[in-house]
Amino acid sequence: MAPPELPAPAALPLPPPPEEAAEVFGSALDTARRFAGMLATDGVTRGLIGPKEAPRLWERHLLNCAAVAELLPDRGELVDIGSGAGLPGVVLAMLRPGLRVILLEPLLRRSVFLHECVTRLELANAVVVRGRAEDMTGVIKADVATARAVAPLGRLAGWAAGVLRPGGQLLAIKGQAAAEELAAARPDLSRLGARSAEVLRAGHGSVIAATTVVRVVIGGHGREEQAGAHRSRRGVA
């Protein structure tokens, strides 16, 4: 006899957005609210985020991802590697409507959820592609690649190199050990022809805790400086 099916985990109550959210999301705040609602309900019941994450969705996830938008150009193409529940890809799509955002995700159940997000949130600049980054080499040629909690930096940079144009940049959201991870990945980055690699702090002063990002530029001739010369660069390690 088959064991009884366990009930899906119930989402905990979703708190209202903190005051910082209005400053960070601006006119996209209502879209962010709706996305938070999807994560706290369907995202939990489908196993895309843990049930205990709902009460801290804003601080730990949405604002954490939104801070990366200040490092992006206003135009061009972005690929979010291993997009999962849409963090950070969906958030960045709503904050940078001039960017074409590719939500790259290999798993079917996550891809289905991402399709629903794009449709229900009316993100005309976002598309979902089901596949692995390593299988998209030369198929996708983006200006920026993003990733959050996907893989160690050396491996991630290898995947990103295949889906970036020359001079494109990888923005990898990392934790407190970002500097150590970058140091360990230096040999891999050298083999990939990385022109520069640095640790940045994004969103300092706007979100509850600034987001740590490792930026790696793959070859090229300074595209990221040309696209973002007007943006401030804080906390370079």
Protein backbone atom coordinates (compact mmCIF):
# COMPACT_ATOMS: atom_id res chain seq x y z
CA MET A 1 0.00 0.00 0.00
CA ALA A 2 1.35 3.41 -0.99
CA PRO A 3 2.00 5.80 1.90
CA PRO A 4 -0.55 8.58 2.30
CA GLU A 5 0.24 11.76 0.44
CA LEU A 6 1.53 14.47 2.74
CA PRO A 7 -0.19 17.85 2.61
CA ALA A 8 1.66 20.67 0.94
CA PRO A 9 3.42 23.02 3.34
CA ALA A 10 1.34 26.03 4.26
CA ALA A 11 2.75 29.50 3.74
CA LEU A 12 3.14 31.72 6.75
CA PRO A 13 1.53 35.19 6.63
CA LEU A 14 3.24 37.64 4.29
CA PRO A 15 4.03 40.91 6.08
CA PRO A 16 3.54 44.26 4.34
CA PRO A 17 6.58 45.68 2.54
CA PRO A 18 8.96 47.69 4.74
CA GLU A 19 9.33 51.42 4.24
CA GLU A 20 12.50 50.91 2.21
CA ALA A 21 10.55 49.02 -0.46
CA ALA A 22 8.81 52.15 -1.71
CA GLU A 23 12.17 53.85 -2.29
CA VAL A 24 13.78 50.83 -3.93
CA PHE A 25 10.90 49.70 -6.16
CA GLY A 26 9.30 53.07 -6.91
CA SER A 27 6.55 52.73 -9.50
CA ALA A 28 7.13 48.94 -9.59
CA LEU A 29 6.09 48.50 -5.95
CA ASP A 30 2.63 47.17 -6.80
CA THR A 31 4.18 44.61 -9.16
CA ALA A 32 6.61 43.63 -6.42
CA ARG A 33 3.70 43.18 -3.99
CA ARG A 34 1.99 40.81 -6.40
CA PHE A 35 5.19 38.86 -6.97
CA ALA A 36 5.67 38.57 -3.21
CA GLY A 37 2.15 37.16 -2.99
CA MET A 38 2.92 34.55 -5.64
CA LEU A 39 6.09 33.51 -3.86
CA ALA A 40 4.34 33.24 -0.50
CA THR A 41 1.55 31.04 -1.91
CA ASP A 42 2.36 29.09 -5.09
CA GLY A 43 6.09 29.44 -4.48
CA VAL A 44 5.74 27.67 -1.14
CA THR A 45 3.22 25.00 -2.12
CA ARG A 46 5.33 24.06 -5.16
CA GLY A 47 8.51 23.84 -3.12
CA LEU A 48 10.29 26.75 -4.78
CA ILE A 49 10.91 28.51 -1.49
CA GLY A 50 10.69 27.24 2.07
CA PRO A 51 7.51 27.92 4.08
CA LYS A 52 9.50 29.85 6.69
CA GLU A 53 10.73 32.30 4.05
CA ALA A 54 7.37 34.08 3.61
CA PRO A 55 7.71 36.36 6.66
CA ARG A 56 11.14 37.54 5.46
CA LEU A 57 10.53 37.66 1.72
CA TRP A 58 11.00 41.41 1.48
CA GLU A 59 14.23 41.82 3.44
CA ARG A 60 15.94 38.53 2.63
CA HIS A 61 14.88 38.10 -0.99
CA LEU A 62 13.12 40.94 -2.82
CA LEU A 63 15.16 43.87 -1.52
CA ASN A 64 18.33 41.79 -1.64
CA CYS A 65 17.79 41.20 -5.35
CA ALA A 66 16.49 44.68 -6.14
CA ALA A 67 19.74 46.26 -4.95
CA VAL A 68 21.52 44.72 -7.96
CA ALA A 69 19.52 46.93 -10.34
CA GLU A 70 21.84 49.87 -9.61
CA LEU A 71 24.68 47.91 -11.27
CA LEU A 72 22.74 47.33 -14.50
CA PRO A 73 22.58 49.33 -17.72
CA ASP A 74 19.19 50.67 -18.76
CA ARG A 75 19.26 48.84 -22.10
CA GLY A 76 20.57 45.57 -23.47
CA GLU A 77 20.03 41.92 -22.66
CA LEU A 78 20.31 40.12 -19.32
CA VAL A 79 20.26 36.39 -18.68
CA ASP A 80 19.40 35.13 -15.20
CA ILE A 81 21.17 31.78 -14.83
CA GLY A 82 19.25 29.18 -12.83
CA SER A 83 16.40 31.61 -12.32
CA GLY A 84 14.47 29.27 -10.00
CA ALA A 85 11.68 31.26 -8.35
CA GLY A 86 12.66 34.40 -10.27
CA LEU A 87 15.22 35.72 -7.82
CA PRO A 88 16.78 37.95 -9.02
CA GLY A 89 15.55 37.76 -12.65
CA VAL A 90 11.88 38.67 -12.16
CA VAL A 91 12.76 41.46 -9.73
CA LEU A 92 15.29 42.96 -12.15
CA ALA A 93 12.86 42.70 -15.06
CA MET A 94 10.32 44.84 -13.22
CA LEU A 95 12.97 47.41 -12.23
CA ARG A 96 14.68 47.66 -15.63
CA PRO A 97 11.89 47.61 -18.25
CA GLY A 98 14.37 48.67 -20.94
CA LEU A 99 16.35 45.45 -20.52
CA ARG A 100 15.36 42.22 -22.23
CA VAL A 101 15.53 39.64 -19.45
CA ILE A 102 15.95 35.92 -20.15
CA LEU A 103 14.92 33.70 -17.22
CA LEU A 104 17.04 30.61 -17.84
CA GLU A 105 15.92 27.59 -15.83
CA PRO A 106 16.36 23.85 -16.54
CA LEU A 107 13.65 22.39 -14.26
CA LEU A 108 10.10 22.12 -15.60
CA ARG A 109 8.19 22.98 -12.42
CA ARG A 110 10.27 26.11 -11.93
CA SER A 111 9.93 27.09 -15.58
CA VAL A 112 6.15 26.76 -15.35
CA PHE A 113 6.10 29.03 -12.32
CA LEU A 114 8.30 31.58 -14.10
CA HIS A 115 5.96 31.57 -17.11
CA GLU A 116 3.07 32.30 -14.75
CA CYS A 117 5.01 35.14 -13.14
CA VAL A 118 5.81 36.75 -16.49
CA THR A 119 2.16 36.49 -17.58
CA ARG A 120 0.46 37.57 -14.36
CA LEU A 121 2.89 40.39 -13.66
CA GLU A 122 2.72 41.55 -17.30
CA LEU A 123 6.49 41.64 -17.72
CA ALA A 124 6.66 42.34 -21.45
CA ASN A 125 10.47 42.50 -21.35
CA ALA A 126 10.97 39.01 -19.84
CA VAL A 127 11.01 35.59 -21.48
CA VAL A 128 11.48 32.12 -19.98
CA VAL A 129 13.92 29.69 -21.57
CA ARG A 130 14.04 26.16 -20.24
CA GLY A 131 17.58 24.86 -20.38
CA ARG A 132 21.00 24.72 -18.75
CA ALA A 133 23.47 27.54 -19.21
CA GLU A 134 26.17 25.14 -20.40
CA ASP A 135 23.87 24.03 -23.24
CA MET A 136 23.17 27.62 -24.34
CA THR A 137 26.72 28.54 -25.31
CA GLY A 138 26.53 30.71 -28.42
CA VAL A 139 22.72 30.58 -28.43
CA ILE A 140 22.31 33.33 -25.85
CA LYS A 141 24.61 36.35 -26.16
CA ALA A 142 23.70 38.68 -23.32
CA ASP A 143 25.34 41.82 -22.00
CA VAL A 144 24.86 40.83 -18.36
CA ALA A 145 24.43 37.50 -16.56
CA THR A 146 23.04 37.30 -13.04
CA ALA A 147 22.81 34.41 -10.59
CA ARG A 148 21.91 33.84 -6.94
CA ALA A 149 22.76 30.71 -4.98
CA VAL A 150 23.40 28.67 -8.13
CA ALA A 151 27.00 27.38 -8.08
CA PRO A 152 30.52 28.18 -6.85
CA LEU A 153 31.96 31.22 -8.60
CA GLY A 154 34.51 29.40 -10.76
CA ARG A 155 31.93 27.05 -12.25
CA LEU A 156 29.33 29.82 -12.54
CA ALA A 157 31.74 32.06 -14.42
CA GLY A 158 32.38 29.25 -16.89
CA TRP A 159 28.67 28.95 -17.61
CA ALA A 160 28.30 32.72 -17.86
CA ALA A 161 31.20 33.03 -20.31
CA GLY A 162 29.26 30.92 -22.80
CA VAL A 163 26.13 33.10 -22.73
CA LEU A 164 27.79 36.54 -22.61
CA ARG A 165 28.99 38.77 -25.40
CA PRO A 166 32.70 39.75 -25.33
CA GLY A 167 33.04 42.30 -22.56
CA GLY A 168 29.86 41.11 -20.86
CA GLN A 169 29.69 40.94 -17.11
CA LEU A 170 28.58 38.40 -14.54
CA LEU A 171 26.88 39.75 -11.42
CA ALA A 172 26.79 36.94 -8.87
CA ILE A 173 24.94 37.58 -5.61
CA LYS A 174 27.04 36.07 -2.85
CA GLY A 175 27.23 36.00 0.93
CA GLN A 176 29.77 37.00 3.55
CA ALA A 177 32.45 34.70 2.12
CA ALA A 178 32.40 36.42 -1.29
CA ALA A 179 36.00 37.62 -1.08
CA GLU A 180 37.25 34.15 -0.16
CA GLU A 181 35.23 32.58 -2.97
CA LEU A 182 36.61 35.09 -5.44
CA ALA A 183 40.17 34.33 -4.33
CA ALA A 184 39.60 30.60 -4.78
CA ALA A 185 38.13 31.16 -8.25
CA ARG A 186 41.02 33.28 -9.58
CA PRO A 187 42.67 30.40 -11.50
CA ASP A 188 39.36 29.56 -13.21
CA LEU A 189 38.72 33.21 -14.03
CA SER A 190 42.20 33.53 -15.51
CA ARG A 191 41.61 30.55 -17.78
CA LEU A 192 38.33 32.11 -18.94
CA GLY A 193 40.08 35.33 -19.89
CA ALA A 194 38.32 37.41 -17.24
CA ARG A 195 39.50 41.02 -17.56
CA SER A 196 38.48 42.05 -14.06
CA ALA A 197 36.81 40.64 -10.96
CA GLU A 198 35.76 42.49 -7.83
CA VAL A 199 33.45 42.38 -4.82
CA LEU A 200 30.86 45.16 -4.65
CA ARG A 201 28.27 46.22 -2.08
CA ALA A 202 25.02 47.19 -3.79
CA GLY A 203 22.11 49.05 -2.24
CA HIS A 204 24.05 50.41 0.73
CA GLY A 205 21.87 52.91 2.53
CA SER A 206 18.72 51.88 0.65
CA VAL A 207 18.05 48.38 1.90
CA ILE A 208 18.23 46.87 5.35
CA ALA A 209 21.43 44.99 4.53
CA ALA A 210 23.51 45.82 1.47
CA THR A 211 23.81 43.07 -1.12
CA THR A 212 27.23 41.53 -1.78
CA VAL A 213 27.87 41.03 -5.49
CA VAL A 214 30.88 39.59 -7.28
CA ARG A 215 31.28 41.25 -10.67
CA VAL A 216 33.36 39.47 -13.31
CA VAL A 217 34.01 40.97 -16.73
CA ILE A 218 34.75 38.39 -19.42
CA GLY A 219 37.18 39.79 -22.04
CA GLY A 220 36.11 42.70 -24.21
CA HIS A 221 37.02 46.36 -24.01
CA GLY A 222 35.23 48.03 -21.14
CA ARG A 223 31.56 47.66 -22.04
CA GLU A 224 30.53 47.78 -18.39
CA GLU A 225 32.42 51.02 -17.79
CA GLN A 226 30.76 52.62 -20.82
CA ALA A 227 27.29 51.41 -19.79
CA GLY A 228 27.57 52.27 -16.13
CA ALA A 229 30.16 54.99 -15.74
CA HIS A 230 27.60 57.21 -14.01
CA ARG A 231 26.81 54.59 -11.36
CA SER A 232 28.62 54.66 -8.04
CA ARG A 233 30.83 51.72 -7.04
CA ARG A 234 30.94 51.03 -3.32
CA GLY A 235 32.94 48.65 -1.20
CA VAL A 236 35.30 47.30 -3.85
CA ALA A 237 37.48 44.53 -2.41
